Amino acid sequence: AGMFGGFSSSFFSTYHSKIPKAPGFEKRNKLYQLFNYINHWN
């Protein structure tokens, strides 16, 4: 959702008001982006 644009910041802020970012979120977000990059390579 965050990789290729198209979602406004209000999407994420409303989401995180219900599910706050857990410690280590940014690094794991990179890890989950990795899956999508490899999938796109394939």
ModelCIF file with pLDDT and N, C-alpha, C, O atoms, coordinates in Angstrom:
data_MODEL
#
_entry.id   MODEL 
#
_entity.id                         1 
_entity.type                       polymer 
_entity.pdbx_number_of_molecules   1 
#
_entity_poly.entity_id                      1 
_entity_poly.type                           'polypeptide(L)' 
_entity_poly.nstd_linkage                   no 
_entity_poly.nstd_monomer                   no 
_entity_poly.pdbx_seq_one_letter_code       AGMFGGFSSSFFSTYHSKIPKAPGFEKRNKLYQLFNYINHWN 
_entity_poly.pdbx_seq_one_letter_code_can   AGMFGGFSSSFFSTYHSKIPKAPGFEKRNKLYQLFNYINHWN 
_entity_poly.pdbx_strand_id                 A 
#
loop_
_entity_poly_seq.entity_id 
_entity_poly_seq.num 
_entity_poly_seq.mon_id 
_entity_poly_seq.hetero 
1 1  ALA n 
1 2  GLY n 
1 3  MET n 
1 4  PHE n 
1 5  GLY n 
1 6  GLY n 
1 7  PHE n 
1 8  SER n 
1 9  SER n 
1 10 SER n 
1 11 PHE n 
1 12 PHE n 
1 13 SER n 
1 14 THR n 
1 15 TYR n 
1 16 HIS n 
1 17 SER n 
1 18 LYS n 
1 19 ILE n 
1 20 PRO n 
1 21 LYS n 
1 22 ALA n 
1 23 PRO n 
1 24 GLY n 
1 25 PHE n 
1 26 GLU n 
1 27 LYS n 
1 28 ARG n 
1 29 ASN n 
1 30 LYS n 
1 31 LEU n 
1 32 TYR n 
1 33 GLN n 
1 34 LEU n 
1 35 PHE n 
1 36 ASN n 
1 37 TYR n 
1 38 ILE n 
1 39 ASN n 
1 40 HIS n 
1 41 TRP n 
1 42 ASN n 
#
_struct_asym.id          A 
_struct_asym.entity_id   1 
#
loop_
_ma_qa_metric.id 
_ma_qa_metric.mode 
_ma_qa_metric.name 
_ma_qa_metric.software_group_id 
_ma_qa_metric.type 
1 global pLDDT . pLDDT 
2 local  pLDDT . pLDDT 
#
_ma_qa_metric_global.metric_id      1 
_ma_qa_metric_global.metric_value   96.71 
_ma_qa_metric_global.model_id       1 
_ma_qa_metric_global.ordinal_id     1 
#
loop_
_ma_qa_metric_local.label_asym_id 
_ma_qa_metric_local.label_comp_id 
_ma_qa_metric_local.label_seq_id 
_ma_qa_metric_local.metric_id 
_ma_qa_metric_local.metric_value 
_ma_qa_metric_local.model_id 
_ma_qa_metric_local.ordinal_id 
A ALA 1  2 96.00 1 1  
A GLY 2  2 95.00 1 2  
A MET 3  2 94.00 1 3  
A PHE 4  2 89.00 1 4  
A GLY 5  2 88.00 1 5  
A GLY 6  2 87.00 1 6  
A PHE 7  2 95.00 1 7  
A SER 8  2 95.00 1 8  
A SER 9  2 97.00 1 9  
A SER 10 2 97.00 1 10 
A PHE 11 2 98.00 1 11 
A PHE 12 2 98.00 1 12 
A SER 13 2 98.00 1 13 
A THR 14 2 98.00 1 14 
A TYR 15 2 98.00 1 15 
A HIS 16 2 98.00 1 16 
A SER 17 2 98.00 1 17 
A LYS 18 2 98.00 1 18 
A ILE 19 2 98.00 1 19 
A PRO 20 2 98.00 1 20 
A LYS 21 2 98.00 1 21 
A ALA 22 2 97.00 1 22 
A PRO 23 2 96.00 1 23 
A GLY 24 2 97.00 1 24 
A PHE 25 2 98.00 1 25 
A GLU 26 2 97.00 1 26 
A LYS 27 2 97.00 1 27 
A ARG 28 2 98.00 1 28 
A ASN 29 2 98.00 1 29 
A LYS 30 2 98.00 1 30 
A LEU 31 2 98.00 1 31 
A TYR 32 2 98.00 1 32 
A GLN 33 2 98.00 1 33 
A LEU 34 2 98.00 1 34 
A PHE 35 2 98.00 1 35 
A ASN 36 2 98.00 1 36 
A TYR 37 2 98.00 1 37 
A ILE 38 2 98.00 1 38 
A ASN 39 2 98.00 1 39 
A HIS 40 2 97.00 1 40 
A TRP 41 2 98.00 1 41 
A ASN 42 2 98.00 1 42 
#
loop_
_atom_site.group_PDB 
_atom_site.id 
_atom_site.type_symbol 
_atom_site.label_atom_id 
_atom_site.label_alt_id 
_atom_site.label_comp_id 
_atom_site.label_asym_id 
_atom_site.label_entity_id 
_atom_site.label_seq_id 
_atom_site.pdbx_PDB_ins_code 
_atom_site.Cartn_x 
_atom_site.Cartn_y 
_atom_site.Cartn_z 
_atom_site.occupancy 
_atom_site.B_iso_or_equiv 
_atom_site.pdbx_formal_charge 
_atom_site.auth_seq_id 
_atom_site.auth_comp_id 
_atom_site.auth_asym_id 
_atom_site.auth_atom_id 
_atom_site.pdbx_PDB_model_num 
ATOM 1   N N  . ALA A 1 1  ? 0.838  -1.204  0.000   1.00 96.00 ? 1  ALA A N  1 
ATOM 2   C CA . ALA A 1 1  ? 0.000  0.000   0.000   1.00 96.00 ? 1  ALA A CA 1 
ATOM 3   C C  . ALA A 1 1  ? 0.875  1.257   0.000   1.00 96.00 ? 1  ALA A C  1 
ATOM 4   O O  . ALA A 1 1  ? 0.510  2.275   -0.589  1.00 96.00 ? 1  ALA A O  1 
ATOM 5   N N  . GLY A 1 2  ? 2.029  1.179   0.663   1.00 95.00 ? 2  GLY A N  1 
ATOM 6   C CA . GLY A 1 2  ? 2.901  2.348   0.745   1.00 95.00 ? 2  GLY A CA 1 
ATOM 7   C C  . GLY A 1 2  ? 3.926  2.447   -0.366  1.00 95.00 ? 2  GLY A C  1 
ATOM 8   O O  . GLY A 1 2  ? 4.567  3.487   -0.519  1.00 95.00 ? 2  GLY A O  1 
ATOM 9   N N  . MET A 1 3  ? 4.098  1.380   -1.153  1.00 94.00 ? 3  MET A N  1 
ATOM 10  C CA . MET A 1 3  ? 5.193  1.338   -2.125  1.00 94.00 ? 3  MET A CA 1 
ATOM 11  C C  . MET A 1 3  ? 4.947  2.095   -3.414  1.00 94.00 ? 3  MET A C  1 
ATOM 12  O O  . MET A 1 3  ? 5.831  2.794   -3.910  1.00 94.00 ? 3  MET A O  1 
ATOM 13  N N  . PHE A 1 4  ? 3.754  1.959   -3.954  1.00 89.00 ? 4  PHE A N  1 
ATOM 14  C CA . PHE A 1 4  ? 3.535  2.460   -5.310  1.00 89.00 ? 4  PHE A CA 1 
ATOM 15  C C  . PHE A 1 4  ? 2.574  3.650   -5.362  1.00 89.00 ? 4  PHE A C  1 
ATOM 16  O O  . PHE A 1 4  ? 2.019  3.965   -6.415  1.00 89.00 ? 4  PHE A O  1 
ATOM 17  N N  . GLY A 1 5  ? 2.384  4.310   -4.205  1.00 88.00 ? 5  GLY A N  1 
ATOM 18  C CA . GLY A 1 5  ? 1.526  5.494   -4.172  1.00 88.00 ? 5  GLY A CA 1 
ATOM 19  C C  . GLY A 1 5  ? 0.053  5.144   -4.307  1.00 88.00 ? 5  GLY A C  1 
ATOM 20  O O  . GLY A 1 5  ? -0.319 3.972   -4.369  1.00 88.00 ? 5  GLY A O  1 
ATOM 21  N N  . GLY A 1 6  ? -0.788 6.191   -4.351  1.00 87.00 ? 6  GLY A N  1 
ATOM 22  C CA . GLY A 1 6  ? -2.212 5.970   -4.564  1.00 87.00 ? 6  GLY A CA 1 
ATOM 23  C C  . GLY A 1 6  ? -3.050 5.950   -3.293  1.00 87.00 ? 6  GLY A C  1 
ATOM 24  O O  . GLY A 1 6  ? -4.278 6.026   -3.350  1.00 87.00 ? 6  GLY A O  1 
ATOM 25  N N  . PHE A 1 7  ? -2.378 5.846   -2.133  1.00 95.00 ? 7  PHE A N  1 
ATOM 26  C CA . PHE A 1 7  ? -3.107 5.915   -0.867  1.00 95.00 ? 7  PHE A CA 1 
ATOM 27  C C  . PHE A 1 7  ? -2.747 7.227   -0.176  1.00 95.00 ? 7  PHE A C  1 
ATOM 28  O O  . PHE A 1 7  ? -1.568 7.541   -0.007  1.00 95.00 ? 7  PHE A O  1 
ATOM 29  N N  . SER A 1 8  ? -3.754 7.983   0.219   1.00 95.00 ? 8  SER A N  1 
ATOM 30  C CA . SER A 1 8  ? -3.462 9.264   0.860   1.00 95.00 ? 8  SER A CA 1 
ATOM 31  C C  . SER A 1 8  ? -2.973 9.034   2.287   1.00 95.00 ? 8  SER A C  1 
ATOM 32  O O  . SER A 1 8  ? -3.138 7.948   2.844   1.00 95.00 ? 8  SER A O  1 
ATOM 33  N N  . SER A 1 9  ? -2.366 10.071  2.872   1.00 97.00 ? 9  SER A N  1 
ATOM 34  C CA . SER A 1 9  ? -1.860 9.937   4.242   1.00 97.00 ? 9  SER A CA 1 
ATOM 35  C C  . SER A 1 9  ? -3.016 9.666   5.215   1.00 97.00 ? 9  SER A C  1 
ATOM 36  O O  . SER A 1 9  ? -2.809 9.076   6.276   1.00 97.00 ? 9  SER A O  1 
ATOM 37  N N  . SER A 1 10 ? -4.234 10.097  4.852   1.00 97.00 ? 10 SER A N  1 
ATOM 38  C CA . SER A 1 10 ? -5.376 9.862   5.756   1.00 97.00 ? 10 SER A CA 1 
ATOM 39  C C  . SER A 1 10 ? -5.696 8.369   5.884   1.00 97.00 ? 10 SER A C  1 
ATOM 40  O O  . SER A 1 10 ? -6.191 7.926   6.920   1.00 97.00 ? 10 SER A O  1 
ATOM 41  N N  . PHE A 1 11 ? -5.412 7.598   4.835   1.00 98.00 ? 11 PHE A N  1 
ATOM 42  C CA . PHE A 1 11 ? -5.605 6.143   4.898   1.00 98.00 ? 11 PHE A CA 1 
ATOM 43  C C  . PHE A 1 11 ? -4.733 5.569   6.020   1.00 98.00 ? 11 PHE A C  1 
ATOM 44  O O  . PHE A 1 11 ? -5.203 4.816   6.872   1.00 98.00 ? 11 PHE A O  1 
ATOM 45  N N  . PHE A 1 12 ? -3.445 5.947   5.995   1.00 98.00 ? 12 PHE A N  1 
ATOM 46  C CA . PHE A 1 12 ? -2.504 5.396   6.978   1.00 98.00 ? 12 PHE A CA 1 
ATOM 47  C C  . PHE A 1 12 ? -2.750 5.929   8.384   1.00 98.00 ? 12 PHE A C  1 
ATOM 48  O O  . PHE A 1 12 ? -2.675 5.179   9.357   1.00 98.00 ? 12 PHE A O  1 
ATOM 49  N N  . SER A 1 13 ? -3.048 7.247   8.495   1.00 98.00 ? 13 SER A N  1 
ATOM 50  C CA . SER A 1 13 ? -3.229 7.800   9.850   1.00 98.00 ? 13 SER A CA 1 
ATOM 51  C C  . SER A 1 13 ? -4.472 7.205   10.518  1.00 98.00 ? 13 SER A C  1 
ATOM 52  O O  . SER A 1 13 ? -4.462 6.926   11.717  1.00 98.00 ? 13 SER A O  1 
ATOM 53  N N  . THR A 1 14 ? -5.542 7.011   9.739   1.00 98.00 ? 14 THR A N  1 
ATOM 54  C CA . THR A 1 14 ? -6.753 6.409   10.322  1.00 98.00 ? 14 THR A CA 1 
ATOM 55  C C  . THR A 1 14 ? -6.482 4.953   10.711  1.00 98.00 ? 14 THR A C  1 
ATOM 56  O O  . THR A 1 14 ? -6.922 4.486   11.761  1.00 98.00 ? 14 THR A O  1 
ATOM 57  N N  . TYR A 1 15 ? -5.749 4.247   9.844   1.00 98.00 ? 15 TYR A N  1 
ATOM 58  C CA . TYR A 1 15 ? -5.391 2.852   10.134  1.00 98.00 ? 15 TYR A CA 1 
ATOM 59  C C  . TYR A 1 15 ? -4.616 2.783   11.454  1.00 98.00 ? 15 TYR A C  1 
ATOM 60  O O  . TYR A 1 15 ? -4.939 1.988   12.337  1.00 98.00 ? 15 TYR A O  1 
ATOM 61  N N  . HIS A 1 16 ? -3.584 3.636   11.572  1.00 98.00 ? 16 HIS A N  1 
ATOM 62  C CA . HIS A 1 16 ? -2.715 3.558   12.762  1.00 98.00 ? 16 HIS A CA 1 
ATOM 63  C C  . HIS A 1 16 ? -3.369 4.112   14.021  1.00 98.00 ? 16 HIS A C  1 
ATOM 64  O O  . HIS A 1 16 ? -2.892 3.858   15.127  1.00 98.00 ? 16 HIS A O  1 
ATOM 65  N N  . SER A 1 17 ? -4.458 4.868   13.867  1.00 98.00 ? 17 SER A N  1 
ATOM 66  C CA . SER A 1 17 ? -5.178 5.285   15.076  1.00 98.00 ? 17 SER A CA 1 
ATOM 67  C C  . SER A 1 17 ? -5.870 4.075   15.703  1.00 98.00 ? 17 SER A C  1 
ATOM 68  O O  . SER A 1 17 ? -6.165 4.075   16.898  1.00 98.00 ? 17 SER A O  1 
ATOM 69  N N  . LYS A 1 18 ? -6.127 3.045   14.896  1.00 98.00 ? 18 LYS A N  1 
ATOM 70  C CA . LYS A 1 18 ? -6.728 1.800   15.415  1.00 98.00 ? 18 LYS A CA 1 
ATOM 71  C C  . LYS A 1 18 ? -5.673 0.737   15.728  1.00 98.00 ? 18 LYS A C  1 
ATOM 72  O O  . LYS A 1 18 ? -5.793 -0.004  16.703  1.00 98.00 ? 18 LYS A O  1 
ATOM 73  N N  . ILE A 1 19 ? -4.640 0.674   14.887  1.00 98.00 ? 19 ILE A N  1 
ATOM 74  C CA . ILE A 1 19 ? -3.540 -0.286  15.103  1.00 98.00 ? 19 ILE A CA 1 
ATOM 75  C C  . ILE A 1 19 ? -2.230 0.509   15.085  1.00 98.00 ? 19 ILE A C  1 
ATOM 76  O O  . ILE A 1 19 ? -1.644 0.717   14.022  1.00 98.00 ? 19 ILE A O  1 
ATOM 77  N N  . PRO A 1 20 ? -1.773 0.954   16.261  1.00 98.00 ? 20 PRO A N  1 
ATOM 78  C CA . PRO A 1 20 ? -0.537 1.760   16.306  1.00 98.00 ? 20 PRO A CA 1 
ATOM 79  C C  . PRO A 1 20 ? 0.678  0.953   15.835  1.00 98.00 ? 20 PRO A C  1 
ATOM 80  O O  . PRO A 1 20 ? 0.696  -0.275  15.916  1.00 98.00 ? 20 PRO A O  1 
ATOM 81  N N  . LYS A 1 21 ? 1.693  1.675   15.342  1.00 98.00 ? 21 LYS A N  1 
ATOM 82  C CA . LYS A 1 21 ? 2.920  1.007   14.891  1.00 98.00 ? 21 LYS A CA 1 
ATOM 83  C C  . LYS A 1 21 ? 3.629  0.381   16.086  1.00 98.00 ? 21 LYS A C  1 
ATOM 84  O O  . LYS A 1 21 ? 3.864  1.045   17.095  1.00 98.00 ? 21 LYS A O  1 
ATOM 85  N N  . ALA A 1 22 ? 3.967  -0.902  15.968  1.00 97.00 ? 22 ALA A N  1 
ATOM 86  C CA . ALA A 1 22 ? 4.698  -1.592  17.040  1.00 97.00 ? 22 ALA A CA 1 
ATOM 87  C C  . ALA A 1 22 ? 6.185  -1.279  16.902  1.00 97.00 ? 22 ALA A C  1 
ATOM 88  O O  . ALA A 1 22 ? 6.632  -0.910  15.816  1.00 97.00 ? 22 ALA A O  1 
ATOM 89  N N  . PRO A 1 23 ? 6.972  -1.418  17.994  1.00 96.00 ? 23 PRO A N  1 
ATOM 90  C CA . PRO A 1 23 ? 8.418  -1.175  17.890  1.00 96.00 ? 23 PRO A CA 1 
ATOM 91  C C  . PRO A 1 23 ? 9.029  -2.036  16.783  1.00 96.00 ? 23 PRO A C  1 
ATOM 92  O O  . PRO A 1 23 ? 8.712  -3.219  16.659  1.00 96.00 ? 23 PRO A O  1 
ATOM 93  N N  . GLY A 1 24 ? 9.907  -1.429  15.981  1.00 97.00 ? 24 GLY A N  1 
ATOM 94  C CA . GLY A 1 24 ? 10.554 -2.155  14.879  1.00 97.00 ? 24 GLY A CA 1 
ATOM 95  C C  . GLY A 1 24 ? 9.737  -2.157  13.597  1.00 97.00 ? 24 GLY A C  1 
ATOM 96  O O  . GLY A 1 24 ? 10.087 -2.840  12.635  1.00 97.00 ? 24 GLY A O  1 
ATOM 97  N N  . PHE A 1 25 ? 8.644  -1.390  13.582  1.00 98.00 ? 25 PHE A N  1 
ATOM 98  C CA . PHE A 1 25 ? 7.732  -1.367  12.424  1.00 98.00 ? 25 PHE A CA 1 
ATOM 99  C C  . PHE A 1 25 ? 8.460  -1.029  11.117  1.00 98.00 ? 25 PHE A C  1 
ATOM 100 O O  . PHE A 1 25 ? 8.265  -1.703  10.106  1.00 98.00 ? 25 PHE A O  1 
ATOM 101 N N  . GLU A 1 26 ? 9.307  0.022   11.139  1.00 97.00 ? 26 GLU A N  1 
ATOM 102 C CA . GLU A 1 26 ? 9.920  0.503   9.886   1.00 97.00 ? 26 GLU A CA 1 
ATOM 103 C C  . GLU A 1 26 ? 10.792 -0.576  9.236   1.00 97.00 ? 26 GLU A C  1 
ATOM 104 O O  . GLU A 1 26 ? 10.768 -0.764  8.020   1.00 97.00 ? 26 GLU A O  1 
ATOM 105 N N  . LYS A 1 27 ? 11.550 -1.271  10.063  1.00 97.00 ? 27 LYS A N  1 
ATOM 106 C CA . LYS A 1 27 ? 12.429 -2.311  9.508   1.00 97.00 ? 27 LYS A CA 1 
ATOM 107 C C  . LYS A 1 27 ? 11.617 -3.474  8.931   1.00 97.00 ? 27 LYS A C  1 
ATOM 108 O O  . LYS A 1 27 ? 11.933 -3.999  7.863   1.00 97.00 ? 27 LYS A O  1 
ATOM 109 N N  . ARG A 1 28 ? 10.567 -3.863  9.656   1.00 98.00 ? 28 ARG A N  1 
ATOM 110 C CA . ARG A 1 28 ? 9.728  -4.962  9.146   1.00 98.00 ? 28 ARG A CA 1 
ATOM 111 C C  . ARG A 1 28 ? 8.976  -4.524  7.886   1.00 98.00 ? 28 ARG A C  1 
ATOM 112 O O  . ARG A 1 28 ? 8.715  -5.339  7.002   1.00 98.00 ? 28 ARG A O  1 
ATOM 113 N N  . ASN A 1 29 ? 8.631  -3.243  7.810   1.00 98.00 ? 29 ASN A N  1 
ATOM 114 C CA . ASN A 1 29 ? 7.964  -2.734  6.616   1.00 98.00 ? 29 ASN A CA 1 
ATOM 115 C C  . ASN A 1 29 ? 8.867  -2.912  5.394   1.00 98.00 ? 29 ASN A C  1 
ATOM 116 O O  . ASN A 1 29 ? 8.402  -3.254  4.307   1.00 98.00 ? 29 ASN A O  1 
ATOM 117 N N  . LYS A 1 30 ? 10.184 -2.671  5.594   1.00 98.00 ? 30 LYS A N  1 
ATOM 118 C CA . LYS A 1 30 ? 11.167 -2.900  4.515   1.00 98.00 ? 30 LYS A CA 1 
ATOM 119 C C  . LYS A 1 30 ? 11.200 -4.384  4.121   1.00 98.00 ? 30 LYS A C  1 
ATOM 120 O O  . LYS A 1 30 ? 11.280 -4.736  2.944   1.00 98.00 ? 30 LYS A O  1 
ATOM 121 N N  . LEU A 1 31 ? 11.135 -5.238  5.150   1.00 98.00 ? 31 LEU A N  1 
ATOM 122 C CA . LEU A 1 31 ? 11.151 -6.685  4.903   1.00 98.00 ? 31 LEU A CA 1 
ATOM 123 C C  . LEU A 1 31 ? 9.933  -7.093  4.069   1.00 98.00 ? 31 LEU A C  1 
ATOM 124 O O  . LEU A 1 31 ? 10.045 -7.912  3.157   1.00 98.00 ? 31 LEU A O  1 
ATOM 125 N N  . TYR A 1 32 ? 8.775  -6.519  4.388   1.00 98.00 ? 32 TYR A N  1 
ATOM 126 C CA . TYR A 1 32 ? 7.556  -6.845  3.644   1.00 98.00 ? 32 TYR A CA 1 
ATOM 127 C C  . TYR A 1 32 ? 7.580  -6.224  2.246   1.00 98.00 ? 32 TYR A C  1 
ATOM 128 O O  . TYR A 1 32 ? 7.002  -6.774  1.308   1.00 98.00 ? 32 TYR A O  1 
ATOM 129 N N  . GLN A 1 33 ? 8.253  -5.075  2.112   1.00 98.00 ? 33 GLN A N  1 
ATOM 130 C CA . GLN A 1 33 ? 8.430  -4.499  0.771   1.00 98.00 ? 33 GLN A CA 1 
ATOM 131 C C  . GLN A 1 33 ? 9.299  -5.420  -0.086  1.00 98.00 ? 33 GLN A C  1 
ATOM 132 O O  . GLN A 1 33 ? 9.083  -5.562  -1.290  1.00 98.00 ? 33 GLN A O  1 
ATOM 133 N N  . LEU A 1 34 ? 10.291 -6.044  0.567   1.00 98.00 ? 34 LEU A N  1 
ATOM 134 C CA . LEU A 1 34 ? 11.178 -6.959  -0.161  1.00 98.00 ? 34 LEU A CA 1 
ATOM 135 C C  . LEU A 1 34 ? 10.379 -8.039  -0.879  1.00 98.00 ? 34 LEU A C  1 
ATOM 136 O O  . LEU A 1 34 ? 10.654 -8.356  -2.037  1.00 98.00 ? 34 LEU A O  1 
ATOM 137 N N  . PHE A 1 35 ? 9.377  -8.610  -0.184  1.00 98.00 ? 35 PHE A N  1 
ATOM 138 C CA . PHE A 1 35 ? 8.542  -9.627  -0.832  1.00 98.00 ? 35 PHE A CA 1 
ATOM 139 C C  . PHE A 1 35 ? 7.945  -9.073  -2.129  1.00 98.00 ? 35 PHE A C  1 
ATOM 140 O O  . PHE A 1 35 ? 7.957  -9.750  -3.157  1.00 98.00 ? 35 PHE A O  1 
ATOM 141 N N  . ASN A 1 36 ? 7.427  -7.849  -2.079  1.00 98.00 ? 36 ASN A N  1 
ATOM 142 C CA . ASN A 1 36 ? 6.772  -7.264  -3.249  1.00 98.00 ? 36 ASN A CA 1 
ATOM 143 C C  . ASN A 1 36 ? 7.754  -6.957  -4.380  1.00 98.00 ? 36 ASN A C  1 
ATOM 144 O O  . ASN A 1 36 ? 7.418  -7.101  -5.556  1.00 98.00 ? 36 ASN A O  1 
ATOM 145 N N  . TYR A 1 37 ? 8.969  -6.532  -4.019  1.00 98.00 ? 37 TYR A N  1 
ATOM 146 C CA . TYR A 1 37 ? 9.984  -6.295  -5.064  1.00 98.00 ? 37 TYR A CA 1 
ATOM 147 C C  . TYR A 1 37 ? 10.361 -7.606  -5.774  1.00 98.00 ? 37 TYR A C  1 
ATOM 148 O O  . TYR A 1 37 ? 10.495 -7.650  -6.997  1.00 98.00 ? 37 TYR A O  1 
ATOM 149 N N  . ILE A 1 38 ? 10.529 -8.673  -4.973  1.00 98.00 ? 38 ILE A N  1 
ATOM 150 C CA . ILE A 1 38 ? 10.896 -9.966  -5.600  1.00 98.00 ? 38 ILE A CA 1 
ATOM 151 C C  . ILE A 1 38 ? 9.734  -10.466 -6.470  1.00 98.00 ? 38 ILE A C  1 
ATOM 152 O O  . ILE A 1 38 ? 9.944  -10.976 -7.570  1.00 98.00 ? 38 ILE A O  1 
ATOM 153 N N  . ASN A 1 39 ? 8.519  -10.311 -5.961  1.00 98.00 ? 39 ASN A N  1 
ATOM 154 C CA . ASN A 1 39 ? 7.337  -10.717 -6.731  1.00 98.00 ? 39 ASN A CA 1 
ATOM 155 C C  . ASN A 1 39 ? 7.269  -9.947  -8.056  1.00 98.00 ? 39 ASN A C  1 
ATOM 156 O O  . ASN A 1 39 ? 6.910  -10.511 -9.090  1.00 98.00 ? 39 ASN A O  1 
ATOM 157 N N  . HIS A 1 40 ? 7.616  -8.660  -8.016  1.00 97.00 ? 40 HIS A N  1 
ATOM 158 C CA . HIS A 1 40 ? 7.626  -7.854  -9.249  1.00 97.00 ? 40 HIS A CA 1 
ATOM 159 C C  . HIS A 1 40 ? 8.756  -8.282  -10.180 1.00 97.00 ? 40 HIS A C  1 
ATOM 160 O O  . HIS A 1 40 ? 8.582  -8.297  -11.399 1.00 97.00 ? 40 HIS A O  1 
ATOM 161 N N  . TRP A 1 41 ? 9.899  -8.627  -9.622  1.00 98.00 ? 41 TRP A N  1 
ATOM 162 C CA . TRP A 1 41 ? 11.015 -9.139  -10.429 1.00 98.00 ? 41 TRP A CA 1 
ATOM 163 C C  . TRP A 1 41 ? 10.552 -10.413 -11.147 1.00 98.00 ? 41 TRP A C  1 
ATOM 164 O O  . TRP A 1 41 ? 10.811 -10.591 -12.337 1.00 98.00 ? 41 TRP A O  1 
ATOM 165 N N  . ASN A 1 42 ? 9.866  -11.292 -10.415 1.00 98.00 ? 42 ASN A N  1 
ATOM 166 C CA . ASN A 1 42 ? 9.366  -12.530 -11.031 1.00 98.00 ? 42 ASN A CA 1 
ATOM 167 C C  . ASN A 1 42 ? 8.317  -12.273 -12.109 1.00 98.00 ? 42 ASN A C  1 
ATOM 168 O O  . ASN A 1 42 ? 7.808  -13.217 -12.713 1.00 98.00 ? 42 ASN A O  1 
#
